[in-house]
Amino acid sequence: MNESKGYWYLLTGLAVGIVLGILYAWAIAPLEYTNTSPDTLRANFKDEYRLLIALSHQSHGSLDRTRARLALLADFDPITALGEQAQRFLSANASKESIQALADLSEALQREQALPTSTLMIDATPVAVTITLAAGLPQQTAIPTTTDSLSPFEPLLEATPTPELSVAPSTSATLATGRTSTASRTPAKSATPIASATLKPSLTPTATPGAPFQLISQETFCEFTQPGLLQIDLQNAAGEPAAGIEISITWLGGAEQFFTGLKPELGYGYADFVMMADMEYVLSLSNGVTRITELQAPMCDSSEGAYPGSIWLQFRQP
């Protein structure tokens, strides 16, 4: 007589096979990755790799080498990735050196993007040089001269040489033998070409290195969705956003440092800080040379009650 034993043997075998497979994959012969690309790393390992690139850039200063290394991470926008990582490091109270390295690299990449591409225009204009021989020899022309026009300096070379080579007519001389001979012809050169060059510089104003920022605008406004927000905008002497600038803010019992350019979607010279109500703050720039005191969030009213308003500060280098 046959007895039905069910599927318990199959389930037991399946469970034993799963356990043995996991044991083999994790303990006996685990999978090892070798020579993998940095873009396959986890997010925290990518942050470490990106930080090492920023610290290395402070040593060698080569943007070509740094860009090649950042390309291995396959970020959609390396500048945005650097700014977001610096924001995460600020929230995690990371070391100031690490945040400064990320901000400096972001500023260097932004500055390189903002530089105008220099052009080289070559205008080859042939300058005719005519040689006239009195004896009726053929003329030779077209000795080309090349004039280069560079930007931002545009040299203009004006040359109009017209040298003439003349041969004196033959003269007669009587020799001791009584025969008449013709003297040798003596060429005469004239009109030496003179070239003159004129430089026309075309300079673009740039930020003065180390010049302290000056406050040019201060406004208060009410924004219910962003209460107590201190917004800062920094511009260099050319009116362009100044990224990677350290800003210090202090209040009674606390202090904090942050940098511009860490929110590129709002501008490379932008930075912000959330203020508490009924608290005065002191903001300093340029190693304490520029100081704004008694910063306090204004009070705003709404249908839902009072809330702290916001402040907008704009600075510019002279």
C-alpha atoms as a PDB file:
ATOM      1  CA  MET A   1       0.000   0.000   0.000  1.00  0.00           C
ATOM      2  CA  ASN A   2       1.415   3.436  -1.028  1.00  0.00           C
ATOM      3  CA  GLU A   3       1.410   6.254   1.526  1.00  0.00           C
ATOM      4  CA  SER A   4       1.330   9.897   0.475  1.00  0.00           C
ATOM      5  CA  LYS A   5       4.369  11.672   1.986  1.00  0.00           C
ATOM      6  CA  GLY A   6       3.485  15.138   0.598  1.00  0.00           C
ATOM      7  CA  TYR A   7       6.068  17.754  -0.472  1.00  0.00           C
ATOM      8  CA  TRP A   8       8.047  17.996   2.756  1.00  0.00           C
ATOM      9  CA  TYR A   9      11.125  16.381   1.231  1.00  0.00           C
ATOM     10  CA  LEU A  10      11.157  18.893  -1.618  1.00  0.00           C
ATOM     11  CA  LEU A  11      10.790  21.860   0.736  1.00  0.00           C
ATOM     12  CA  THR A  12      13.543  20.523   2.982  1.00  0.00           C
ATOM     13  CA  GLY A  13      15.887  20.037   0.029  1.00  0.00           C
ATOM     14  CA  LEU A  14      15.151  23.548  -1.271  1.00  0.00           C
ATOM     15  CA  ALA A  15      15.892  25.135   2.123  1.00  0.00           C
ATOM     16  CA  VAL A  16      19.164  23.173   2.466  1.00  0.00           C
ATOM     17  CA  GLY A  17      20.196  24.219  -1.072  1.00  0.00           C
ATOM     18  CA  ILE A  18      19.543  27.896  -0.326  1.00  0.00           C
ATOM     19  CA  VAL A  19      21.561  27.760   2.885  1.00  0.00           C
ATOM     20  CA  LEU A  20      24.481  25.995   1.191  1.00  0.00           C
ATOM     21  CA  GLY A  21      24.402  28.491  -1.731  1.00  0.00           C
ATOM     22  CA  ILE A  22      24.526  31.493   0.594  1.00  0.00           C
ATOM     23  CA  LEU A  23      27.312  29.917   2.612  1.00  0.00           C
ATOM     24  CA  TYR A  24      29.356  29.249  -0.517  1.00  0.00           C
ATOM     25  CA  ALA A  25      28.766  32.754  -1.980  1.00  0.00           C
ATOM     26  CA  TRP A  26      29.501  34.669   1.228  1.00  0.00           C
ATOM     27  CA  ALA A  27      32.086  32.574   3.063  1.00  0.00           C
ATOM     28  CA  ILE A  28      33.758  30.038   0.774  1.00  0.00           C
ATOM     29  CA  ALA A  29      34.067  31.944  -2.529  1.00  0.00           C
ATOM     30  CA  PRO A  30      32.741  35.507  -2.142  1.00  0.00           C
ATOM     31  CA  LEU A  31      32.507  37.799  -5.162  1.00  0.00           C
ATOM     32  CA  GLU A  32      35.440  40.196  -5.466  1.00  0.00           C
ATOM     33  CA  TYR A  33      35.477  43.352  -7.581  1.00  0.00           C
ATOM     34  CA  THR A  34      38.761  44.396  -9.194  1.00  0.00           C
ATOM     35  CA  ASN A  35      39.605  47.286 -11.542  1.00  0.00           C
ATOM     36  CA  THR A  36      36.091  48.717 -11.408  1.00  0.00           C
ATOM     37  CA  SER A  37      35.199  52.229 -12.521  1.00  0.00           C
ATOM     38  CA  PRO A  38      34.596  54.902  -9.819  1.00  0.00           C
ATOM     39  CA  ASP A  39      31.097  55.546 -11.190  1.00  0.00           C
ATOM     40  CA  THR A  40      30.012  52.158  -9.786  1.00  0.00           C
ATOM     41  CA  LEU A  41      30.850  53.160  -6.192  1.00  0.00           C
ATOM     42  CA  ARG A  42      28.254  53.821  -3.535  1.00  0.00           C
ATOM     43  CA  ALA A  43      27.289  57.439  -2.845  1.00  0.00           C
ATOM     44  CA  ASN A  44      29.411  57.725   0.312  1.00  0.00           C
ATOM     45  CA  PHE A  45      32.464  56.274  -1.467  1.00  0.00           C
ATOM     46  CA  LYS A  46      31.913  58.722  -4.345  1.00  0.00           C
ATOM     47  CA  ASP A  47      31.985  61.557  -1.810  1.00  0.00           C
ATOM     48  CA  GLU A  48      35.324  60.321  -0.486  1.00  0.00           C
ATOM     49  CA  TYR A  49      36.706  59.992  -4.022  1.00  0.00           C
ATOM     50  CA  ARG A  50      35.488  63.497  -4.914  1.00  0.00           C
ATOM     51  CA  LEU A  51      37.057  64.922  -1.757  1.00  0.00           C
ATOM     52  CA  LEU A  52      40.388  63.272  -2.573  1.00  0.00           C
ATOM     53  CA  ILE A  53      40.258  64.871  -6.023  1.00  0.00           C
ATOM     54  CA  ALA A  54      39.641  68.300  -4.469  1.00  0.00           C
ATOM     55  CA  LEU A  55      42.492  67.898  -1.975  1.00  0.00           C
ATOM     56  CA  SER A  56      44.808  66.695  -4.735  1.00  0.00           C
ATOM     57  CA  HIS A  57      43.897  69.726  -6.867  1.00  0.00           C
ATOM     58  CA  GLN A  58      45.112  72.012  -4.081  1.00  0.00           C
ATOM     59  CA  SER A  59      48.562  70.422  -4.501  1.00  0.00           C
ATOM     60  CA  HIS A  60      49.066  70.296  -8.281  1.00  0.00           C
ATOM     61  CA  GLY A  61      46.541  72.908  -9.500  1.00  0.00           C
ATOM     62  CA  SER A  62      46.059  71.253 -12.916  1.00  0.00           C
ATOM     63  CA  LEU A  63      42.443  71.589 -14.072  1.00  0.00           C
ATOM     64  CA  ASP A  64      43.003  69.189 -16.958  1.00  0.00           C
ATOM     65  CA  ARG A  65      44.060  66.416 -14.601  1.00  0.00           C
ATOM     66  CA  THR A  66      41.244  67.250 -12.172  1.00  0.00           C
ATOM     67  CA  ARG A  67      38.576  67.229 -14.889  1.00  0.00           C
ATOM     68  CA  ALA A  68      39.807  63.843 -16.120  1.00  0.00           C
ATOM     69  CA  ARG A  69      39.488  62.424 -12.629  1.00  0.00           C
ATOM     70  CA  LEU A  70      36.044  63.916 -12.048  1.00  0.00           C
ATOM     71  CA  ALA A  71      34.880  62.461 -15.369  1.00  0.00           C
ATOM     72  CA  LEU A  72      35.439  58.969 -13.948  1.00  0.00           C
ATOM     73  CA  LEU A  73      32.556  59.575 -11.525  1.00  0.00           C
ATOM     74  CA  ALA A  74      30.188  60.196 -14.481  1.00  0.00           C
ATOM     75  CA  ASP A  75      28.403  63.074 -12.715  1.00  0.00           C
ATOM     76  CA  PHE A  76      25.881  64.919 -14.875  1.00  0.00           C
ATOM     77  CA  ASP A  77      27.265  68.260 -13.644  1.00  0.00           C
ATOM     78  CA  PRO A  78      30.535  68.058 -11.656  1.00  0.00           C
ATOM     79  CA  ILE A  79      30.130  71.632 -10.334  1.00  0.00           C
ATOM     80  CA  THR A  80      26.663  70.867  -8.970  1.00  0.00           C
ATOM     81  CA  ALA A  81      27.922  67.614  -7.460  1.00  0.00           C
ATOM     82  CA  LEU A  82      30.716  69.471  -5.655  1.00  0.00           C
ATOM     83  CA  GLY A  83      28.263  72.039  -4.307  1.00  0.00           C
ATOM     84  CA  GLU A  84      25.810  69.407  -3.091  1.00  0.00           C
ATOM     85  CA  GLN A  85      28.588  67.483  -1.355  1.00  0.00           C
ATOM     86  CA  ALA A  86      29.805  70.659   0.361  1.00  0.00           C
ATOM     87  CA  GLN A  87      26.241  71.246   1.583  1.00  0.00           C
ATOM     88  CA  ARG A  88      26.093  67.725   2.982  1.00  0.00           C
ATOM     89  CA  PHE A  89      29.443  68.223   4.696  1.00  0.00           C
ATOM     90  CA  LEU A  90      28.191  71.485   6.225  1.00  0.00           C
ATOM     91  CA  SER A  91      25.129  69.698   7.589  1.00  0.00           C
ATOM     92  CA  ALA A  92      27.320  66.894   8.969  1.00  0.00           C
ATOM     93  CA  ASN A  93      29.752  69.389  10.614  1.00  0.00           C
ATOM     94  CA  ALA A  94      32.668  68.103   8.563  1.00  0.00           C
ATOM     95  CA  SER A  95      36.111  69.690   8.784  1.00  0.00           C
ATOM     96  CA  LYS A  96      36.550  73.203   7.454  1.00  0.00           C
ATOM     97  CA  GLU A  97      39.498  72.070   5.305  1.00  0.00           C
ATOM     98  CA  SER A  98      37.339  69.555   3.447  1.00  0.00           C
ATOM     99  CA  ILE A  99      34.564  72.061   2.765  1.00  0.00           C
ATOM    100  CA  GLN A 100      37.089  74.697   1.656  1.00  0.00           C
ATOM    101  CA  ALA A 101      38.744  72.240  -0.749  1.00  0.00           C
ATOM    102  CA  LEU A 102      35.391  71.429  -2.370  1.00  0.00           C
ATOM    103  CA  ALA A 103      34.460  75.120  -2.575  1.00  0.00           C
ATOM    104  CA  ASP A 104      37.825  76.076  -4.107  1.00  0.00           C
ATOM    105  CA  LEU A 105      37.562  73.386  -6.766  1.00  0.00           C
ATOM    106  CA  SER A 106      33.996  74.424  -7.586  1.00  0.00           C
ATOM    107  CA  GLU A 107      35.141  78.037  -7.924  1.00  0.00           C
ATOM    108  CA  ALA A 108      38.052  77.064 -10.201  1.00  0.00           C
ATOM    109  CA  LEU A 109      35.755  75.106 -12.532  1.00  0.00           C
ATOM    110  CA  GLN A 110      33.195  77.934 -12.593  1.00  0.00           C
ATOM    111  CA  ARG A 111      35.885  80.510 -13.311  1.00  0.00           C
ATOM    112  CA  GLU A 112      37.194  78.422 -16.200  1.00  0.00           C
ATOM    113  CA  GLN A 113      33.703  78.198 -17.715  1.00  0.00           C
ATOM    114  CA  ALA A 114      33.302  81.974 -17.451  1.00  0.00           C
ATOM    115  CA  LEU A 115      36.554  82.752 -19.301  1.00  0.00           C
ATOM    116  CA  PRO A 116      36.005  83.917 -22.902  1.00  0.00           C
ATOM    117  CA  THR A 117      37.503  81.755 -25.596  1.00  0.00           C
ATOM    118  CA  SER A 118      40.406  83.546 -27.263  1.00  0.00           C
ATOM    119  CA  THR A 119      40.458  83.570 -31.025  1.00  0.00           C
ATOM    120  CA  LEU A 120      43.322  83.737 -33.467  1.00  0.00           C
ATOM    121  CA  MET A 121      42.662  85.473 -36.808  1.00  0.00           C
ATOM    122  CA  ILE A 122      45.323  85.348 -39.484  1.00  0.00           C
ATOM    123  CA  ASP A 123      45.010  87.706 -42.414  1.00  0.00           C
ATOM    124  CA  ALA A 124      47.609  87.115 -45.077  1.00  0.00           C
ATOM    125  CA  THR A 125      47.849  90.127 -47.340  1.00  0.00           C
ATOM    126  CA  PRO A 126      50.467  90.079 -50.111  1.00  0.00           C
ATOM    127  CA  VAL A 127      52.605  93.166 -50.267  1.00  0.00           C
ATOM    128  CA  ALA A 128      53.924  93.809 -53.729  1.00  0.00           C
ATOM    129  CA  VAL A 129      57.621  94.536 -54.042  1.00  0.00           C
ATOM    130  CA  THR A 130      58.639  95.822 -57.448  1.00  0.00           C
ATOM    131  CA  ILE A 131      62.232  95.617 -58.677  1.00  0.00           C
ATOM    132  CA  THR A 132      62.998  97.715 -61.750  1.00  0.00           C
ATOM    133  CA  LEU A 133      66.167  97.151 -63.713  1.00  0.00           C
ATOM    134  CA  ALA A 134      67.407  99.895 -65.983  1.00  0.00           C
ATOM    135  CA  ALA A 135      68.787  97.301 -68.374  1.00  0.00           C
ATOM    136  CA  GLY A 136      65.254  96.093 -69.128  1.00  0.00           C
ATOM    137  CA  LEU A 137      65.279  92.878 -67.038  1.00  0.00           C
ATOM    138  CA  PRO A 138      61.888  91.412 -66.065  1.00  0.00           C
ATOM    139  CA  GLN A 139      60.154  92.631 -62.885  1.00  0.00           C
ATOM    140  CA  GLN A 140      59.496  90.392 -59.836  1.00  0.00           C
ATOM    141  CA  THR A 141      56.500  90.884 -57.589  1.00  0.00           C
ATOM    142  CA  ALA A 142      54.401  89.358 -54.830  1.00  0.00           C
ATOM    143  CA  ILE A 143      56.527  88.780 -51.775  1.00  0.00           C
ATOM    144  CA  PRO A 144      53.796  87.897 -49.246  1.00  0.00           C
ATOM    145  CA  THR A 145      53.808  89.246 -45.735  1.00  0.00           C
ATOM    146  CA  THR A 146      51.524  87.790 -43.056  1.00  0.00           C
ATOM    147  CA  THR A 147      49.761  89.984 -40.558  1.00  0.00           C
ATOM    148  CA  ASP A 148      48.531  88.217 -37.420  1.00  0.00           C
ATOM    149  CA  SER A 149      45.634  89.627 -35.433  1.00  0.00           C
ATOM    150  CA  LEU A 150      45.413  88.291 -31.925  1.00  0.00           C
ATOM    151  CA  SER A 151      42.793  88.809 -29.253  1.00  0.00           C
ATOM    152  CA  PRO A 152      42.791  90.596 -26.843  1.00  0.00           C
ATOM    153  CA  PHE A 153      45.844  92.354 -28.333  1.00  0.00           C
ATOM    154  CA  GLU A 154      45.479  93.082 -32.048  1.00  0.00           C
ATOM    155  CA  PRO A 155      48.758  94.117 -33.684  1.00  0.00           C
ATOM    156  CA  LEU A 156      48.355  95.957 -36.962  1.00  0.00           C
ATOM    157  CA  LEU A 157      51.329  95.736 -39.316  1.00  0.00           C
ATOM    158  CA  GLU A 158      51.362  98.335 -42.041  1.00  0.00           C
ATOM    159  CA  ALA A 159      54.114  97.860 -44.596  1.00  0.00           C
ATOM    160  CA  THR A 160      54.263  99.339 -48.087  1.00  0.00           C
ATOM    161  CA  PRO A 161      57.753  98.614 -49.347  1.00  0.00           C
ATOM    162  CA  THR A 162      58.530  99.511 -52.976  1.00  0.00           C
ATOM    163  CA  PRO A 163      62.254  98.984 -53.400  1.00  0.00           C
ATOM    164  CA  GLU A 164      63.799  99.665 -56.794  1.00  0.00           C
ATOM    165  CA  LEU A 165      66.976  98.165 -58.130  1.00  0.00           C
ATOM    166  CA  SER A 166      68.524 100.308 -60.847  1.00  0.00           C
ATOM    167  CA  VAL A 167      71.518  99.497 -63.036  1.00  0.00           C
ATOM    168  CA  ALA A 168      73.683 102.397 -64.195  1.00  0.00           C
ATOM    169  CA  PRO A 169      74.263 102.693 -67.983  1.00  0.00           C
ATOM    170  CA  SER A 170      77.504 101.368 -69.430  1.00  0.00           C
ATOM    171  CA  THR A 171      80.542 103.603 -69.583  1.00  0.00           C
ATOM    172  CA  SER A 172      83.520 103.365 -71.881  1.00  0.00           C
ATOM    173  CA  ALA A 173      87.146 103.139 -70.801  1.00  0.00           C
ATOM    174  CA  THR A 174      90.304 103.046 -73.000  1.00  0.00           C
ATOM    175  CA  LEU A 175      92.816 100.323 -72.146  1.00  0.00           C
ATOM    176  CA  ALA A 176      96.557 100.310 -72.807  1.00  0.00           C
ATOM    177  CA  THR A 177      96.056  98.175 -75.879  1.00  0.00           C
ATOM    178  CA  GLY A 178      93.903 100.851 -77.459  1.00  0.00           C
ATOM    179  CA  ARG A 179      90.705  98.831 -77.328  1.00  0.00           C
ATOM    180  CA  THR A 180      87.550 100.173 -75.785  1.00  0.00           C
ATOM    181  CA  SER A 181      85.970  98.124 -72.966  1.00  0.00           C
ATOM    182  CA  THR A 182      82.691  98.478 -71.120  1.00  0.00           C
ATOM    183  CA  ALA A 183      82.933  98.989 -67.344  1.00  0.00           C
ATOM    184  CA  SER A 184      81.083  96.685 -65.016  1.00  0.00           C
ATOM    185  CA  ARG A 185      77.542  97.633 -64.099  1.00  0.00           C
ATOM    186  CA  THR A 186      77.040  98.781 -60.504  1.00  0.00           C
ATOM    187  CA  PRO A 187      73.524  98.172 -59.089  1.00  0.00           C
ATOM    188  CA  ALA A 188      72.023 100.843 -56.859  1.00  0.00           C
ATOM    189  CA  LYS A 189      69.457  99.861 -54.168  1.00  0.00           C
ATOM    190  CA  SER A 190      66.908 102.235 -52.751  1.00  0.00           C
ATOM    191  CA  ALA A 191      63.621 102.434 -50.837  1.00  0.00           C
ATOM    192  CA  THR A 192      64.297 100.040 -47.959  1.00  0.00           C
ATOM    193  CA  PRO A 193      60.927  98.712 -46.685  1.00  0.00           C
ATOM    194  CA  ILE A 194      59.949  99.981 -43.224  1.00  0.00           C
ATOM    195  CA  ALA A 195      57.348  98.058 -41.198  1.00  0.00           C
ATOM    196  CA  SER A 196      55.441  99.621 -38.332  1.00  0.00           C
ATOM    197  CA  ALA A 197      53.360  97.701 -35.754  1.00  0.00           C
ATOM    198  CA  THR A 198      50.592  99.183 -33.617  1.00  0.00           C
ATOM    199  CA  LEU A 199      49.129  97.309 -30.603  1.00  0.00           C
ATOM    200  CA  LYS A 200      45.476  97.783 -29.751  1.00  0.00           C
ATOM    201  CA  PRO A 201      44.821  96.233 -26.325  1.00  0.00           C
ATOM    202  CA  SER A 202      41.300  95.221 -25.432  1.00  0.00           C
ATOM    203  CA  LEU A 203      41.207  94.384 -21.729  1.00  0.00           C
ATOM    204  CA  THR A 204      38.358  92.950 -19.698  1.00  0.00           C
ATOM    205  CA  PRO A 205      38.115  94.058 -16.040  1.00  0.00           C
ATOM    206  CA  THR A 206      38.641  91.281 -13.546  1.00  0.00           C
ATOM    207  CA  ALA A 207      38.213  90.977  -9.821  1.00  0.00           C
ATOM    208  CA  THR A 208      40.868  92.593  -7.684  1.00  0.00           C
ATOM    209  CA  PRO A 209      42.624  89.772  -5.783  1.00  0.00           C
ATOM    210  CA  GLY A 210      42.166  90.200  -2.076  1.00  0.00           C
ATOM    211  CA  ALA A 211      40.099  93.386  -2.338  1.00  0.00           C
ATOM    212  CA  PRO A 212      37.503  93.525   0.468  1.00  0.00           C
ATOM    213  CA  PHE A 213      33.858  93.283  -0.516  1.00  0.00           C
ATOM    214  CA  GLN A 214      31.646  96.331  -0.017  1.00  0.00           C
ATOM    215  CA  LEU A 215      27.933  96.331   0.766  1.00  0.00           C
ATOM    216  CA  ILE A 216      26.025  97.919  -2.117  1.00  0.00           C
ATOM    217  CA  SER A 217      22.446  96.857  -1.344  1.00  0.00           C
ATOM    218  CA  GLN A 218      20.416  95.743   1.691  1.00  0.00           C
ATOM    219  CA  GLU A 219      16.706  94.948   1.630  1.00  0.00           C
ATOM    220  CA  THR A 220      14.154  93.238   3.879  1.00  0.00           C
ATOM    221  CA  PHE A 221      11.191  91.271   2.584  1.00  0.00           C
ATOM    222  CA  CYS A 222       8.543  88.841   3.780  1.00  0.00           C
ATOM    223  CA  GLU A 223       8.408  85.305   2.426  1.00  0.00           C
ATOM    224  CA  PHE A 224       6.175  82.897   4.325  1.00  0.00           C
ATOM    225  CA  THR A 225       7.715  79.820   2.701  1.00  0.00           C
ATOM    226  CA  GLN A 226      11.250  80.846   3.736  1.00  0.00           C
ATOM    227  CA  PRO A 227      11.031  82.578   7.126  1.00  0.00           C
ATOM    228  CA  GLY A 228      14.130  84.182   8.609  1.00  0.00           C
ATOM    229  CA  LEU A 229      16.326  83.617   5.554  1.00  0.00           C
ATOM    230  CA  LEU A 230      19.482  85.717   5.232  1.00  0.00           C
ATOM    231  CA  GLN A 231      20.351  85.779   1.522  1.00  0.00           C
ATOM    232  CA  ILE A 232      23.773  86.938   0.347  1.00  0.00           C
ATOM    233  CA  ASP A 233      25.023  87.700  -3.171  1.00  0.00           C
ATOM    234  CA  LEU A 234      28.718  88.366  -3.892  1.00  0.00           C
ATOM    235  CA  GLN A 235      30.089  89.877  -7.113  1.00  0.00           C
ATOM    236  CA  ASN A 236      33.644  90.534  -8.191  1.00  0.00           C
ATOM    237  CA  ALA A 237      34.912  93.792  -9.720  1.00  0.00           C
ATOM    238  CA  ALA A 238      33.666  92.722 -13.177  1.00  0.00           C
ATOM    239  CA  GLY A 239      30.125  92.211 -11.858  1.00  0.00           C
ATOM    240  CA  GLU A 240      30.370  88.419 -12.121  1.00  0.00           C
ATOM    241  CA  PRO A 241      29.349  85.974  -9.333  1.00  0.00           C
ATOM    242  CA  ALA A 242      32.140  85.306  -6.833  1.00  0.00           C
ATOM    243  CA  ALA A 243      32.092  81.623  -5.867  1.00  0.00           C
ATOM    244  CA  GLY A 244      33.986  79.843  -3.105  1.00  0.00           C
ATOM    245  CA  ILE A 245      34.108  82.879  -0.783  1.00  0.00           C
ATOM    246  CA  GLU A 246      33.988  82.112   2.929  1.00  0.00           C
ATOM    247  CA  ILE A 247      31.348  83.937   4.968  1.00  0.00           C
ATOM    248  CA  SER A 248      31.376  84.009   8.779  1.00  0.00           C
ATOM    249  CA  ILE A 249      28.329  84.765  10.891  1.00  0.00           C
ATOM    250  CA  THR A 250      28.257  84.970  14.671  1.00  0.00           C
ATOM    251  CA  TRP A 251      25.583  85.437  17.293  1.00  0.00           C
ATOM    252  CA  LEU A 252      25.311  85.237  21.042  1.00  0.00           C
ATOM    253  CA  GLY A 253      26.571  81.767  21.892  1.00  0.00           C
ATOM    254  CA  GLY A 254      27.309  80.527  18.375  1.00  0.00           C
ATOM    255  CA  ALA A 255      29.162  80.935  15.109  1.00  0.00           C
ATOM    256  CA  GLU A 256      29.078  79.365  11.648  1.00  0.00           C
ATOM    257  CA  GLN A 257      31.026  79.519   8.400  1.00  0.00           C
ATOM    258  CA  PHE A 258      29.644  78.826   4.938  1.00  0.00           C
ATOM    259  CA  PHE A 259      30.619  79.484   1.318  1.00  0.00           C
ATOM    260  CA  THR A 260      29.135  80.967  -1.823  1.00  0.00           C
ATOM    261  CA  GLY A 261      28.571  78.850  -4.906  1.00  0.00           C
ATOM    262  CA  LEU A 262      27.286  75.757  -3.093  1.00  0.00           C
ATOM    263  CA  LYS A 263      23.814  76.260  -4.577  1.00  0.00           C
ATOM    264  CA  PRO A 264      24.591  76.830  -8.272  1.00  0.00           C
ATOM    265  CA  GLU A 265      20.915  76.643  -9.196  1.00  0.00           C
ATOM    266  CA  LEU A 266      20.488  79.962  -7.335  1.00  0.00           C
ATOM    267  CA  GLY A 267      23.738  81.496  -8.574  1.00  0.00           C
ATOM    268  CA  TYR A 268      27.449  80.881  -8.134  1.00  0.00           C
ATOM    269  CA  GLY A 269      27.796  83.926  -5.889  1.00  0.00           C
ATOM    270  CA  TYR A 270      24.794  83.014  -3.719  1.00  0.00           C
ATOM    271  CA  ALA A 271      24.730  81.806  -0.103  1.00  0.00           C
ATOM    272  CA  ASP A 272      22.082  81.830   2.615  1.00  0.00           C
ATOM    273  CA  PHE A 273      21.614  81.300   6.337  1.00  0.00           C
ATOM    274  CA  VAL A 274      18.479  80.745   8.436  1.00  0.00           C
ATOM    275  CA  MET A 275      18.143  83.292  11.246  1.00  0.00           C
ATOM    276  CA  MET A 276      16.248  82.808  14.480  1.00  0.00           C
ATOM    277  CA  ALA A 277      13.665  85.351  15.610  1.00  0.00           C
ATOM    278  CA  ASP A 278      14.720  87.993  18.161  1.00  0.00           C
ATOM    279  CA  MET A 279      18.423  87.246  17.609  1.00  0.00           C
ATOM    280  CA  GLU A 280      21.080  89.679  16.377  1.00  0.00           C
ATOM    281  CA  TYR A 281      23.812  88.490  14.019  1.00  0.00           C
ATOM    282  CA  VAL A 282      27.173  89.830  12.826  1.00  0.00           C
ATOM    283  CA  LEU A 283      28.319  88.934   9.315  1.00  0.00           C
ATOM    284  CA  SER A 284      31.960  89.261   8.254  1.00  0.00           C
ATOM    285  CA  LEU A 285      33.743  88.910   4.893  1.00  0.00           C
ATOM    286  CA  SER A 286      37.284  89.250   3.570  1.00  0.00           C
ATOM    287  CA  ASN A 287      38.898  87.947   6.762  1.00  0.00           C
ATOM    288  CA  GLY A 288      36.886  90.302   8.935  1.00  0.00           C
ATOM    289  CA  VAL A 289      37.604  93.484   6.953  1.00  0.00           C
ATOM    290  CA  THR A 290      33.946  93.820   5.945  1.00  0.00           C
ATOM    291  CA  ARG A 291      31.510  93.530   8.871  1.00  0.00           C
ATOM    292  CA  ILE A 292      27.748  93.998   8.983  1.00  0.00           C
ATOM    293  CA  THR A 293      26.372  94.206  12.524  1.00  0.00           C
ATOM    294  CA  GLU A 294      22.910  94.220  14.105  1.00  0.00           C
ATOM    295  CA  LEU A 295      21.380  91.889  11.530  1.00  0.00           C
ATOM    296  CA  GLN A 296      17.962  90.823  12.798  1.00  0.00           C
ATOM    297  CA  ALA A 297      15.055  89.222  10.998  1.00  0.00           C
ATOM    298  CA  PRO A 298      12.104  91.630  10.662  1.00  0.00           C
ATOM    299  CA  MET A 299       8.693  90.532  11.864  1.00  0.00           C
ATOM    300  CA  CYS A 300       6.021  89.905   9.219  1.00  0.00           C
ATOM    301  CA  ASP A 301       2.286  89.389   9.609  1.00  0.00           C
ATOM    302  CA  SER A 302       0.071  86.906   7.789  1.00  0.00           C
ATOM    303  CA  SER A 303      -3.339  85.356   8.180  1.00  0.00           C
ATOM    304  CA  GLU A 304      -1.718  82.523  10.101  1.00  0.00           C
ATOM    305  CA  GLY A 305       0.148  84.834  12.491  1.00  0.00           C
ATOM    306  CA  ALA A 306       3.496  86.597  12.757  1.00  0.00           C
ATOM    307  CA  TYR A 307       6.695  85.082  11.383  1.00  0.00           C
ATOM    308  CA  PRO A 308      10.316  86.244  10.908  1.00  0.00           C
ATOM    309  CA  GLY A 309      11.046  87.945   7.602  1.00  0.00           C
ATOM    310  CA  SER A 310      14.126  87.746   5.385  1.00  0.00           C
ATOM    311  CA  ILE A 311      17.105  89.974   4.540  1.00  0.00           C
ATOM    312  CA  TRP A 312      18.864  90.382   1.171  1.00  0.00           C
ATOM    313  CA  LEU A 313      22.501  91.583   1.148  1.00  0.00           C
ATOM    314  CA  GLN A 314      24.502  92.281  -1.999  1.00  0.00           C
ATOM    315  CA  PHE A 315      28.279  92.833  -1.952  1.00  0.00           C
ATOM    316  CA  ARG A 316      30.767  93.763  -4.636  1.00  0.00           C
ATOM    317  CA  GLN A 317      34.532  94.115  -4.894  1.00  0.00           C
ATOM    318  CA  PRO A 318      35.835  97.559  -5.893  1.00  0.00           C
END
